[in-house]
Amino acid sequence: MRALGGVSVRIEVGDYLAVVGPSGSGKSTLMHLLGALDRPTSGTLRVGGRDVAELGRDELARVRNETIGFVFQAFQLLPRTSAVDNVAMPLVYRGVRRSERRRRAEAALRAVGMGHRLGHMPNQLSGGEQQRVAIARALVGDPQVILADEPTGNLDSVRGAEVMDLLEALNRDRGVALVVVTHDLDIAARAHRQLRMRDGLAELWVREEPPEERTVRAGEGSQPVRGATRAGGPALAPDGLSEEGTVSASEERTVSAGEGSQPVRGATRAGGPALAPDGLSEERTQ
């Protein structure tokens, strides 16, 4: 059984991407791949510029530990361990000495508004507080990207909004890339981009810019545009989203297409040439 087919996506520094789709669409498989928890059976997966196929188990674990922070729906806190020790746990595997682990864990908890709960056990914390501890744990290693799998799924709407505000503040203020897997379309609509999954395939959409004009480079010159659109056409999607194509036309990458792959330049339809002269095009996998 093929869980994903021909998905091509790149997460840049400071990116904010929502992965959305029905159950069984491939969201969890994609998240496991992005987190280097699984290896692809075909195609190429790079984490921090390194091809995971070339990494041994220990080296891959180190790349995960130093590059990626994970936030889970069920919090995944150790039940008999204090908040500060839960947060410090990723640093144990880096060999950081105990006093430094403690200092960094306390700083991470204060950053998420949990400085007053350092010694509390998970069963002494509310759901929202436990998720804040989980975010601090993801943050303590200074990751380049945070992968959040249904981070509000076990929270009420108020606490869920607080958690999303916190994650977005980390993305905005610290430049940490944020990838959120969610069934909630309202949460997905907050992201800069959406990867919409169905039957192992994906479409990438980008949120419309505010109505003021901005300039997009186009070959020799530039042109004012409003938001991001499908090549040669108006914005297509609801929720202030339009189909994305903002990959630099000079950038070469590999897109899976059926049995093989091909190097292409710019944003493309899988298996086809670049579509737009102005650097804006559909990016979808088929």
C-alpha atoms as a PDB file:
ATOM      1  CA  MET A   1       0.000   0.000   0.000  1.00  0.00           C
ATOM      2  CA  ARG A   2       1.318   3.424  -0.967  1.00  0.00           C
ATOM      3  CA  ALA A   3       0.710   6.014   1.764  1.00  0.00           C
ATOM      4  CA  LEU A   4       2.156   9.022  -0.091  1.00  0.00           C
ATOM      5  CA  GLY A   5       2.765   9.563  -3.765  1.00  0.00           C
ATOM      6  CA  GLY A   6       4.776  12.290  -5.456  1.00  0.00           C
ATOM      7  CA  VAL A   7       4.606  14.797  -2.571  1.00  0.00           C
ATOM      8  CA  SER A   8       7.171  17.581  -2.943  1.00  0.00           C
ATOM      9  CA  VAL A   9       7.384  20.226  -0.234  1.00  0.00           C
ATOM     10  CA  ARG A  10      10.098  22.391   1.259  1.00  0.00           C
ATOM     11  CA  ILE A  11      10.028  23.932   4.743  1.00  0.00           C
ATOM     12  CA  GLU A  12      12.084  27.113   4.923  1.00  0.00           C
ATOM     13  CA  VAL A  13      13.390  28.989   7.953  1.00  0.00           C
ATOM     14  CA  GLY A  14      10.508  30.942   9.529  1.00  0.00           C
ATOM     15  CA  ASP A  15       7.867  29.101   7.482  1.00  0.00           C
ATOM     16  CA  TYR A  16       4.379  28.430   8.876  1.00  0.00           C
ATOM     17  CA  LEU A  17       2.654  25.491   7.209  1.00  0.00           C
ATOM     18  CA  ALA A  18      -0.572  23.696   8.088  1.00  0.00           C
ATOM     19  CA  VAL A  19      -1.069  20.111   6.922  1.00  0.00           C
ATOM     20  CA  VAL A  20      -4.789  19.431   6.651  1.00  0.00           C
ATOM     21  CA  GLY A  21      -6.956  16.635   5.310  1.00  0.00           C
ATOM     22  CA  PRO A  22      -9.359  13.832   6.282  1.00  0.00           C
ATOM     23  CA  SER A  23      -8.337  10.758   8.247  1.00  0.00           C
ATOM     24  CA  GLY A  24      -6.305   8.388   6.106  1.00  0.00           C
ATOM     25  CA  SER A  25      -5.140  11.120   3.732  1.00  0.00           C
ATOM     26  CA  GLY A  26      -1.449  10.706   4.606  1.00  0.00           C
ATOM     27  CA  LYS A  27      -0.996  13.525   7.137  1.00  0.00           C
ATOM     28  CA  SER A  28       0.562  11.390   9.858  1.00  0.00           C
ATOM     29  CA  THR A  29       2.834   9.593   7.394  1.00  0.00           C
ATOM     30  CA  LEU A  30       4.028  12.937   6.073  1.00  0.00           C
ATOM     31  CA  MET A  31       4.624  14.226   9.607  1.00  0.00           C
ATOM     32  CA  HIS A  32       6.673  11.132  10.473  1.00  0.00           C
ATOM     33  CA  LEU A  33       8.760  11.719   7.358  1.00  0.00           C
ATOM     34  CA  LEU A  34       9.244  15.430   8.057  1.00  0.00           C
ATOM     35  CA  GLY A  35      10.342  14.520  11.572  1.00  0.00           C
ATOM     36  CA  ALA A  36      12.780  11.903  10.239  1.00  0.00           C
ATOM     37  CA  LEU A  37      10.962   9.254  12.280  1.00  0.00           C
ATOM     38  CA  ASP A  38      10.453   7.217   9.102  1.00  0.00           C
ATOM     39  CA  ARG A  39      12.534   6.862   5.963  1.00  0.00           C
ATOM     40  CA  PRO A  40      10.908   7.155   2.521  1.00  0.00           C
ATOM     41  CA  THR A  41      10.848   4.022   0.371  1.00  0.00           C
ATOM     42  CA  SER A  42      11.535   6.196  -2.687  1.00  0.00           C
ATOM     43  CA  GLY A  43      12.376   9.803  -3.395  1.00  0.00           C
ATOM     44  CA  THR A  44      14.612  12.072  -1.315  1.00  0.00           C
ATOM     45  CA  LEU A  45      14.169  13.441   2.199  1.00  0.00           C
ATOM     46  CA  ARG A  46      16.611  16.053   3.488  1.00  0.00           C
ATOM     47  CA  VAL A  47      16.687  17.390   7.035  1.00  0.00           C
ATOM     48  CA  GLY A  48      18.911  20.407   7.532  1.00  0.00           C
ATOM     49  CA  GLY A  49      20.282  19.789   4.052  1.00  0.00           C
ATOM     50  CA  ARG A  50      21.314  16.200   4.830  1.00  0.00           C
ATOM     51  CA  ASP A  51      19.853  13.224   2.999  1.00  0.00           C
ATOM     52  CA  VAL A  52      18.444  10.886   5.661  1.00  0.00           C
ATOM     53  CA  ALA A  53      19.219   7.876   3.460  1.00  0.00           C
ATOM     54  CA  GLU A  54      22.921   8.535   4.074  1.00  0.00           C
ATOM     55  CA  LEU A  55      22.619   8.719   7.874  1.00  0.00           C
ATOM     56  CA  GLY A  56      22.987   5.859  10.325  1.00  0.00           C
ATOM     57  CA  ARG A  57      20.531   5.376  13.188  1.00  0.00           C
ATOM     58  CA  ASP A  58      22.581   7.272  15.787  1.00  0.00           C
ATOM     59  CA  GLU A  59      23.422  10.101  13.418  1.00  0.00           C
ATOM     60  CA  LEU A  60      19.788  10.427  12.370  1.00  0.00           C
ATOM     61  CA  ALA A  61      18.718  10.560  16.027  1.00  0.00           C
ATOM     62  CA  ARG A  62      21.226  13.349  16.604  1.00  0.00           C
ATOM     63  CA  VAL A  63      19.930  15.329  13.603  1.00  0.00           C
ATOM     64  CA  ARG A  64      16.372  14.992  14.933  1.00  0.00           C
ATOM     65  CA  ASN A  65      17.425  16.067  18.415  1.00  0.00           C
ATOM     66  CA  GLU A  66      19.301  19.134  17.218  1.00  0.00           C
ATOM     67  CA  THR A  67      17.016  20.258  14.395  1.00  0.00           C
ATOM     68  CA  ILE A  68      13.394  19.356  15.214  1.00  0.00           C
ATOM     69  CA  GLY A  69      11.079  19.984  18.150  1.00  0.00           C
ATOM     70  CA  PHE A  70       7.966  17.801  18.501  1.00  0.00           C
ATOM     71  CA  VAL A  71       4.615  18.760  20.056  1.00  0.00           C
ATOM     72  CA  PHE A  72       2.024  15.973  20.312  1.00  0.00           C
ATOM     73  CA  GLN A  73      -1.744  15.985  20.817  1.00  0.00           C
ATOM     74  CA  ALA A  74      -1.456  13.794  23.934  1.00  0.00           C
ATOM     75  CA  PHE A  75       1.411  15.922  25.385  1.00  0.00           C
ATOM     76  CA  GLN A  76       3.650  12.838  25.916  1.00  0.00           C
ATOM     77  CA  LEU A  77       5.018  14.049  29.262  1.00  0.00           C
ATOM     78  CA  LEU A  78       6.630  11.591  31.670  1.00  0.00           C
ATOM     79  CA  PRO A  79       3.982  11.255  34.417  1.00  0.00           C
ATOM     80  CA  ARG A  80       6.316  10.954  37.430  1.00  0.00           C
ATOM     81  CA  THR A  81       8.705  13.666  36.309  1.00  0.00           C
ATOM     82  CA  SER A  82       8.462  17.366  37.104  1.00  0.00           C
ATOM     83  CA  ALA A  83       7.792  19.970  34.429  1.00  0.00           C
ATOM     84  CA  VAL A  84      11.391  21.202  34.461  1.00  0.00           C
ATOM     85  CA  ASP A  85      12.818  17.694  34.154  1.00  0.00           C
ATOM     86  CA  ASN A  86      10.399  16.837  31.333  1.00  0.00           C
ATOM     87  CA  VAL A  87      11.587  19.903  29.445  1.00  0.00           C
ATOM     88  CA  ALA A  88      15.253  19.104  30.098  1.00  0.00           C
ATOM     89  CA  MET A  89      14.962  15.542  28.761  1.00  0.00           C
ATOM     90  CA  PRO A  90      16.074  16.244  25.138  1.00  0.00           C
ATOM     91  CA  LEU A  91      19.271  17.802  26.490  1.00  0.00           C
ATOM     92  CA  VAL A  92      20.146  14.596  28.345  1.00  0.00           C
ATOM     93  CA  TYR A  93      20.663  12.885  24.980  1.00  0.00           C
ATOM     94  CA  ARG A  94      22.983  15.693  23.904  1.00  0.00           C
ATOM     95  CA  GLY A  95      25.215  15.137  26.904  1.00  0.00           C
ATOM     96  CA  VAL A  96      24.533  18.589  28.372  1.00  0.00           C
ATOM     97  CA  ARG A  97      25.597  18.748  31.999  1.00  0.00           C
ATOM     98  CA  ARG A  98      22.869  18.778  34.632  1.00  0.00           C
ATOM     99  CA  SER A  99      23.211  22.397  35.815  1.00  0.00           C
ATOM    100  CA  GLU A 100      23.066  23.683  32.232  1.00  0.00           C
ATOM    101  CA  ARG A 101      20.071  21.462  31.459  1.00  0.00           C
ATOM    102  CA  ARG A 102      18.251  22.923  34.444  1.00  0.00           C
ATOM    103  CA  ARG A 103      19.059  26.503  33.468  1.00  0.00           C
ATOM    104  CA  ARG A 104      17.895  26.050  29.885  1.00  0.00           C
ATOM    105  CA  ALA A 105      14.755  24.144  30.877  1.00  0.00           C
ATOM    106  CA  GLU A 106      13.740  26.858  33.333  1.00  0.00           C
ATOM    107  CA  ALA A 107      14.324  29.522  30.677  1.00  0.00           C
ATOM    108  CA  ALA A 108      12.164  27.593  28.184  1.00  0.00           C
ATOM    109  CA  LEU A 109       9.339  27.223  30.724  1.00  0.00           C
ATOM    110  CA  ARG A 110       9.447  30.922  31.544  1.00  0.00           C
ATOM    111  CA  ALA A 111       9.276  31.672  27.805  1.00  0.00           C
ATOM    112  CA  VAL A 112       5.935  29.845  27.588  1.00  0.00           C
ATOM    113  CA  GLY A 113       4.522  31.363  30.787  1.00  0.00           C
ATOM    114  CA  MET A 114       5.173  28.345  33.009  1.00  0.00           C
ATOM    115  CA  GLY A 115       7.934  29.686  35.236  1.00  0.00           C
ATOM    116  CA  HIS A 116       5.654  29.271  38.271  1.00  0.00           C
ATOM    117  CA  ARG A 117       5.122  25.533  37.627  1.00  0.00           C
ATOM    118  CA  LEU A 118       8.708  24.267  37.475  1.00  0.00           C
ATOM    119  CA  GLY A 119       8.336  21.536  40.108  1.00  0.00           C
ATOM    120  CA  HIS A 120       4.779  20.464  39.308  1.00  0.00           C
ATOM    121  CA  MET A 121       4.009  16.975  38.018  1.00  0.00           C
ATOM    122  CA  PRO A 122       1.856  16.595  34.868  1.00  0.00           C
ATOM    123  CA  ASN A 123      -1.182  15.441  36.904  1.00  0.00           C
ATOM    124  CA  GLN A 124      -1.006  18.740  38.798  1.00  0.00           C
ATOM    125  CA  LEU A 125      -1.328  20.740  35.584  1.00  0.00           C
ATOM    126  CA  SER A 126      -4.309  21.550  33.366  1.00  0.00           C
ATOM    127  CA  GLY A 127      -4.378  20.357  29.756  1.00  0.00           C
ATOM    128  CA  GLY A 128      -3.336  23.773  28.496  1.00  0.00           C
ATOM    129  CA  GLU A 129      -0.476  23.907  30.986  1.00  0.00           C
ATOM    130  CA  GLN A 130       0.706  20.438  29.980  1.00  0.00           C
ATOM    131  CA  GLN A 131       0.750  21.502  26.351  1.00  0.00           C
ATOM    132  CA  ARG A 132       2.796  24.578  27.280  1.00  0.00           C
ATOM    133  CA  VAL A 133       5.300  22.288  28.995  1.00  0.00           C
ATOM    134  CA  ALA A 134       5.386  20.166  25.835  1.00  0.00           C
ATOM    135  CA  ILE A 135       6.069  23.299  23.762  1.00  0.00           C
ATOM    136  CA  ALA A 136       8.868  24.295  26.156  1.00  0.00           C
ATOM    137  CA  ARG A 137      10.354  20.807  25.709  1.00  0.00           C
ATOM    138  CA  ALA A 138      10.239  21.255  21.932  1.00  0.00           C
ATOM    139  CA  LEU A 139      11.832  24.690  22.288  1.00  0.00           C
ATOM    140  CA  VAL A 140      14.635  23.875  24.739  1.00  0.00           C
ATOM    141  CA  GLY A 141      16.953  22.453  22.087  1.00  0.00           C
ATOM    142  CA  ASP A 142      16.717  25.612  19.936  1.00  0.00           C
ATOM    143  CA  PRO A 143      15.238  23.728  16.935  1.00  0.00           C
ATOM    144  CA  GLN A 144      14.975  25.012  13.400  1.00  0.00           C
ATOM    145  CA  VAL A 145      11.443  23.647  13.048  1.00  0.00           C
ATOM    146  CA  ILE A 146       8.627  22.655  15.391  1.00  0.00           C
ATOM    147  CA  LEU A 147       6.305  19.869  14.230  1.00  0.00           C
ATOM    148  CA  ALA A 148       2.976  20.069  16.054  1.00  0.00           C
ATOM    149  CA  ASP A 149       0.605  17.120  15.581  1.00  0.00           C
ATOM    150  CA  GLU A 150      -2.964  18.204  16.485  1.00  0.00           C
ATOM    151  CA  PRO A 151      -1.588  20.458  19.266  1.00  0.00           C
ATOM    152  CA  THR A 152      -5.076  21.653  20.269  1.00  0.00           C
ATOM    153  CA  GLY A 153      -6.882  18.323  19.857  1.00  0.00           C
ATOM    154  CA  ASN A 154      -7.201  17.673  23.613  1.00  0.00           C
ATOM    155  CA  LEU A 155      -7.937  21.270  24.589  1.00  0.00           C
ATOM    156  CA  ASP A 156     -11.046  23.422  24.770  1.00  0.00           C
ATOM    157  CA  SER A 157     -11.343  26.326  22.345  1.00  0.00           C
ATOM    158  CA  VAL A 158      -9.958  28.930  24.751  1.00  0.00           C
ATOM    159  CA  ARG A 159      -6.887  26.896  25.739  1.00  0.00           C
ATOM    160  CA  GLY A 160      -6.440  25.812  22.122  1.00  0.00           C
ATOM    161  CA  ALA A 161      -6.346  29.431  20.974  1.00  0.00           C
ATOM    162  CA  GLU A 162      -3.771  30.226  23.677  1.00  0.00           C
ATOM    163  CA  VAL A 163      -1.548  27.368  22.526  1.00  0.00           C
ATOM    164  CA  MET A 164      -1.778  28.483  18.883  1.00  0.00           C
ATOM    165  CA  ASP A 165      -0.996  32.079  19.880  1.00  0.00           C
ATOM    166  CA  LEU A 166       2.095  30.807  21.695  1.00  0.00           C
ATOM    167  CA  LEU A 167       3.290  28.675  18.780  1.00  0.00           C
ATOM    168  CA  GLU A 168       2.743  31.547  16.365  1.00  0.00           C
ATOM    169  CA  ALA A 169       4.679  33.918  18.631  1.00  0.00           C
ATOM    170  CA  LEU A 170       7.643  31.526  18.569  1.00  0.00           C
ATOM    171  CA  ASN A 171       7.387  31.383  14.783  1.00  0.00           C
ATOM    172  CA  ARG A 172       7.118  35.156  14.454  1.00  0.00           C
ATOM    173  CA  ASP A 173       9.592  36.304  17.104  1.00  0.00           C
ATOM    174  CA  ARG A 174      12.235  33.570  16.970  1.00  0.00           C
ATOM    175  CA  GLY A 175      11.997  32.569  13.323  1.00  0.00           C
ATOM    176  CA  VAL A 176      11.320  28.915  14.190  1.00  0.00           C
ATOM    177  CA  ALA A 177       9.574  27.193  11.294  1.00  0.00           C
ATOM    178  CA  LEU A 178       6.183  25.805  12.355  1.00  0.00           C
ATOM    179  CA  VAL A 179       4.360  22.842  10.809  1.00  0.00           C
ATOM    180  CA  VAL A 180       0.925  22.069  12.265  1.00  0.00           C
ATOM    181  CA  VAL A 181      -1.064  18.939  11.413  1.00  0.00           C
ATOM    182  CA  THR A 182      -4.741  19.583  12.084  1.00  0.00           C
ATOM    183  CA  HIS A 183      -8.303  18.598  11.214  1.00  0.00           C
ATOM    184  CA  ASP A 184      -9.486  22.068  12.271  1.00  0.00           C
ATOM    185  CA  LEU A 185      -9.914  24.305   9.217  1.00  0.00           C
ATOM    186  CA  ASP A 186     -10.023  27.428  11.391  1.00  0.00           C
ATOM    187  CA  ILE A 187      -6.569  26.610  12.759  1.00  0.00           C
ATOM    188  CA  ALA A 188      -5.279  25.727   9.289  1.00  0.00           C
ATOM    189  CA  ALA A 189      -6.507  29.092   7.979  1.00  0.00           C
ATOM    190  CA  ARG A 190      -4.119  30.860  10.385  1.00  0.00           C
ATOM    191  CA  ALA A 191      -1.047  29.425   8.614  1.00  0.00           C
ATOM    192  CA  HIS A 192       0.840  31.160   5.819  1.00  0.00           C
ATOM    193  CA  ARG A 193       0.511  28.037   3.680  1.00  0.00           C
ATOM    194  CA  GLN A 194      -1.667  24.942   3.687  1.00  0.00           C
ATOM    195  CA  LEU A 195      -0.730  21.507   2.416  1.00  0.00           C
ATOM    196  CA  ARG A 196      -4.064  19.889   1.670  1.00  0.00           C
ATOM    197  CA  MET A 197      -3.826  16.096   1.710  1.00  0.00           C
ATOM    198  CA  ARG A 198      -6.102  13.531   0.087  1.00  0.00           C
ATOM    199  CA  ASP A 199      -5.342   9.887  -0.718  1.00  0.00           C
ATOM    200  CA  GLY A 200      -1.598  10.391  -0.306  1.00  0.00           C
ATOM    201  CA  LEU A 201      -1.492  13.365  -2.690  1.00  0.00           C
ATOM    202  CA  ALA A 202      -1.142  17.020  -1.808  1.00  0.00           C
ATOM    203  CA  GLU A 203      -1.964  20.508  -3.008  1.00  0.00           C
ATOM    204  CA  LEU A 204      -0.063  23.501  -1.635  1.00  0.00           C
ATOM    205  CA  TRP A 205      -1.955  26.740  -1.102  1.00  0.00           C
ATOM    206  CA  VAL A 206      -0.698  30.094   0.120  1.00  0.00           C
ATOM    207  CA  ARG A 207      -2.672  32.668   2.097  1.00  0.00           C
ATOM    208  CA  GLU A 208      -3.540  35.909   0.364  1.00  0.00           C
ATOM    209  CA  GLU A 209      -1.521  38.951   1.392  1.00  0.00           C
ATOM    210  CA  PRO A 210      -3.360  41.959   2.876  1.00  0.00           C
ATOM    211  CA  PRO A 211      -4.941  44.142   0.174  1.00  0.00           C
ATOM    212  CA  GLU A 212      -1.982  46.519  -0.103  1.00  0.00           C
ATOM    213  CA  GLU A 213       0.197  45.953  -3.142  1.00  0.00           C
ATOM    214  CA  ARG A 214       3.543  44.201  -2.956  1.00  0.00           C
ATOM    215  CA  THR A 215       6.176  43.623  -5.626  1.00  0.00           C
ATOM    216  CA  VAL A 216       7.160  40.238  -7.016  1.00  0.00           C
ATOM    217  CA  ARG A 217      10.355  39.903  -9.036  1.00  0.00           C
ATOM    218  CA  ALA A 218       9.730  38.719 -12.593  1.00  0.00           C
ATOM    219  CA  GLY A 219      12.741  38.086 -14.782  1.00  0.00           C
ATOM    220  CA  GLU A 220      14.235  41.396 -15.921  1.00  0.00           C
ATOM    221  CA  GLY A 221      11.794  43.592 -14.060  1.00  0.00           C
ATOM    222  CA  SER A 222       9.087  43.465 -11.438  1.00  0.00           C
ATOM    223  CA  GLN A 223       5.350  43.914 -11.195  1.00  0.00           C
ATOM    224  CA  PRO A 224       2.864  44.830  -8.481  1.00  0.00           C
ATOM    225  CA  VAL A 225       0.515  42.004  -7.502  1.00  0.00           C
ATOM    226  CA  ARG A 226      -2.090  41.441  -4.827  1.00  0.00           C
ATOM    227  CA  GLY A 227      -1.536  38.241  -2.877  1.00  0.00           C
ATOM    228  CA  ALA A 228      -0.356  35.060  -4.542  1.00  0.00           C
ATOM    229  CA  THR A 229      -2.380  33.572  -7.382  1.00  0.00           C
ATOM    230  CA  ARG A 230      -2.473  30.690  -9.787  1.00  0.00           C
ATOM    231  CA  ALA A 231      -0.253  31.471 -12.760  1.00  0.00           C
ATOM    232  CA  GLY A 232      -2.088  33.718 -15.189  1.00  0.00           C
ATOM    233  CA  GLY A 233      -5.290  33.806 -13.144  1.00  0.00           C
ATOM    234  CA  PRO A 234      -7.055  35.148 -10.076  1.00  0.00           C
ATOM    235  CA  ALA A 235      -7.008  33.755  -6.564  1.00  0.00           C
ATOM    236  CA  LEU A 236      -8.855  30.440  -6.617  1.00  0.00           C
ATOM    237  CA  ALA A 237      -9.305  29.204  -3.075  1.00  0.00           C
ATOM    238  CA  PRO A 238     -11.657  30.086  -0.219  1.00  0.00           C
ATOM    239  CA  ASP A 239     -10.373  31.177   3.217  1.00  0.00           C
ATOM    240  CA  GLY A 240      -8.125  33.837   1.704  1.00  0.00           C
ATOM    241  CA  LEU A 241      -5.930  31.113   0.185  1.00  0.00           C
ATOM    242  CA  SER A 242      -4.753  30.677  -3.366  1.00  0.00           C
ATOM    243  CA  GLU A 243      -2.747  27.965  -5.036  1.00  0.00           C
ATOM    244  CA  GLU A 244       0.911  28.531  -4.286  1.00  0.00           C
ATOM    245  CA  GLY A 245       3.884  29.016  -6.509  1.00  0.00           C
ATOM    246  CA  THR A 246       6.514  31.237  -4.967  1.00  0.00           C
ATOM    247  CA  VAL A 247       9.635  29.122  -5.462  1.00  0.00           C
ATOM    248  CA  SER A 248      12.532  31.063  -6.921  1.00  0.00           C
ATOM    249  CA  ALA A 249      12.794  30.473 -10.658  1.00  0.00           C
ATOM    250  CA  SER A 250      16.524  29.985 -10.285  1.00  0.00           C
ATOM    251  CA  GLU A 251      16.221  27.228  -7.688  1.00  0.00           C
ATOM    252  CA  GLU A 252      16.705  23.640  -8.853  1.00  0.00           C
ATOM    253  CA  ARG A 253      14.995  20.837  -6.985  1.00  0.00           C
ATOM    254  CA  THR A 254      13.806  17.288  -7.654  1.00  0.00           C
ATOM    255  CA  VAL A 255      10.139  16.450  -8.000  1.00  0.00           C
ATOM    256  CA  SER A 256       8.892  12.849  -7.897  1.00  0.00           C
ATOM    257  CA  ALA A 257       6.859  11.910 -10.949  1.00  0.00           C
ATOM    258  CA  GLY A 258       5.605   8.363 -11.300  1.00  0.00           C
ATOM    259  CA  GLU A 259       8.474   5.869 -11.508  1.00  0.00           C
ATOM    260  CA  GLY A 260      11.295   8.412 -11.625  1.00  0.00           C
ATOM    261  CA  SER A 261      12.144  11.995 -10.887  1.00  0.00           C
ATOM    262  CA  GLN A 262      13.501  14.963 -12.766  1.00  0.00           C
ATOM    263  CA  PRO A 263      15.305  18.152 -11.883  1.00  0.00           C
ATOM    264  CA  VAL A 264      13.163  21.202 -12.540  1.00  0.00           C
ATOM    265  CA  ARG A 265      13.517  24.907 -12.000  1.00  0.00           C
ATOM    266  CA  GLY A 266      10.936  26.993 -10.218  1.00  0.00           C
ATOM    267  CA  ALA A 267       7.577  25.878  -8.962  1.00  0.00           C
ATOM    268  CA  THR A 268       6.153  23.161 -11.158  1.00  0.00           C
ATOM    269  CA  ARG A 269       3.376  20.710 -11.611  1.00  0.00           C
ATOM    270  CA  ALA A 270       4.837  17.289 -10.787  1.00  0.00           C
ATOM    271  CA  GLY A 271       6.139  15.774 -13.994  1.00  0.00           C
ATOM    272  CA  GLY A 272       5.825  18.997 -15.968  1.00  0.00           C
ATOM    273  CA  PRO A 273       7.724  22.208 -16.787  1.00  0.00           C
ATOM    274  CA  ALA A 274       7.608  25.497 -14.929  1.00  0.00           C
ATOM    275  CA  LEU A 275       4.287  27.113 -15.722  1.00  0.00           C
ATOM    276  CA  ALA A 276       4.598  30.823 -15.154  1.00  0.00           C
ATOM    277  CA  PRO A 277       7.037  33.459 -16.461  1.00  0.00           C
ATOM    278  CA  ASP A 278       6.552  35.574 -13.343  1.00  0.00           C
ATOM    279  CA  GLY A 279       7.669  32.954 -10.806  1.00  0.00           C
ATOM    280  CA  LEU A 280       4.104  32.287  -9.624  1.00  0.00           C
ATOM    281  CA  SER A 281       2.518  28.968 -10.548  1.00  0.00           C
ATOM    282  CA  GLU A 282       0.515  26.038  -9.311  1.00  0.00           C
ATOM    283  CA  GLU A 283       2.453  23.652  -7.126  1.00  0.00           C
ATOM    284  CA  ARG A 284       0.537  20.422  -6.854  1.00  0.00           C
ATOM    285  CA  THR A 285       1.342  16.725  -6.869  1.00  0.00           C
ATOM    286  CA  GLN A 286      -0.582  14.307  -9.026  1.00  0.00           C
END
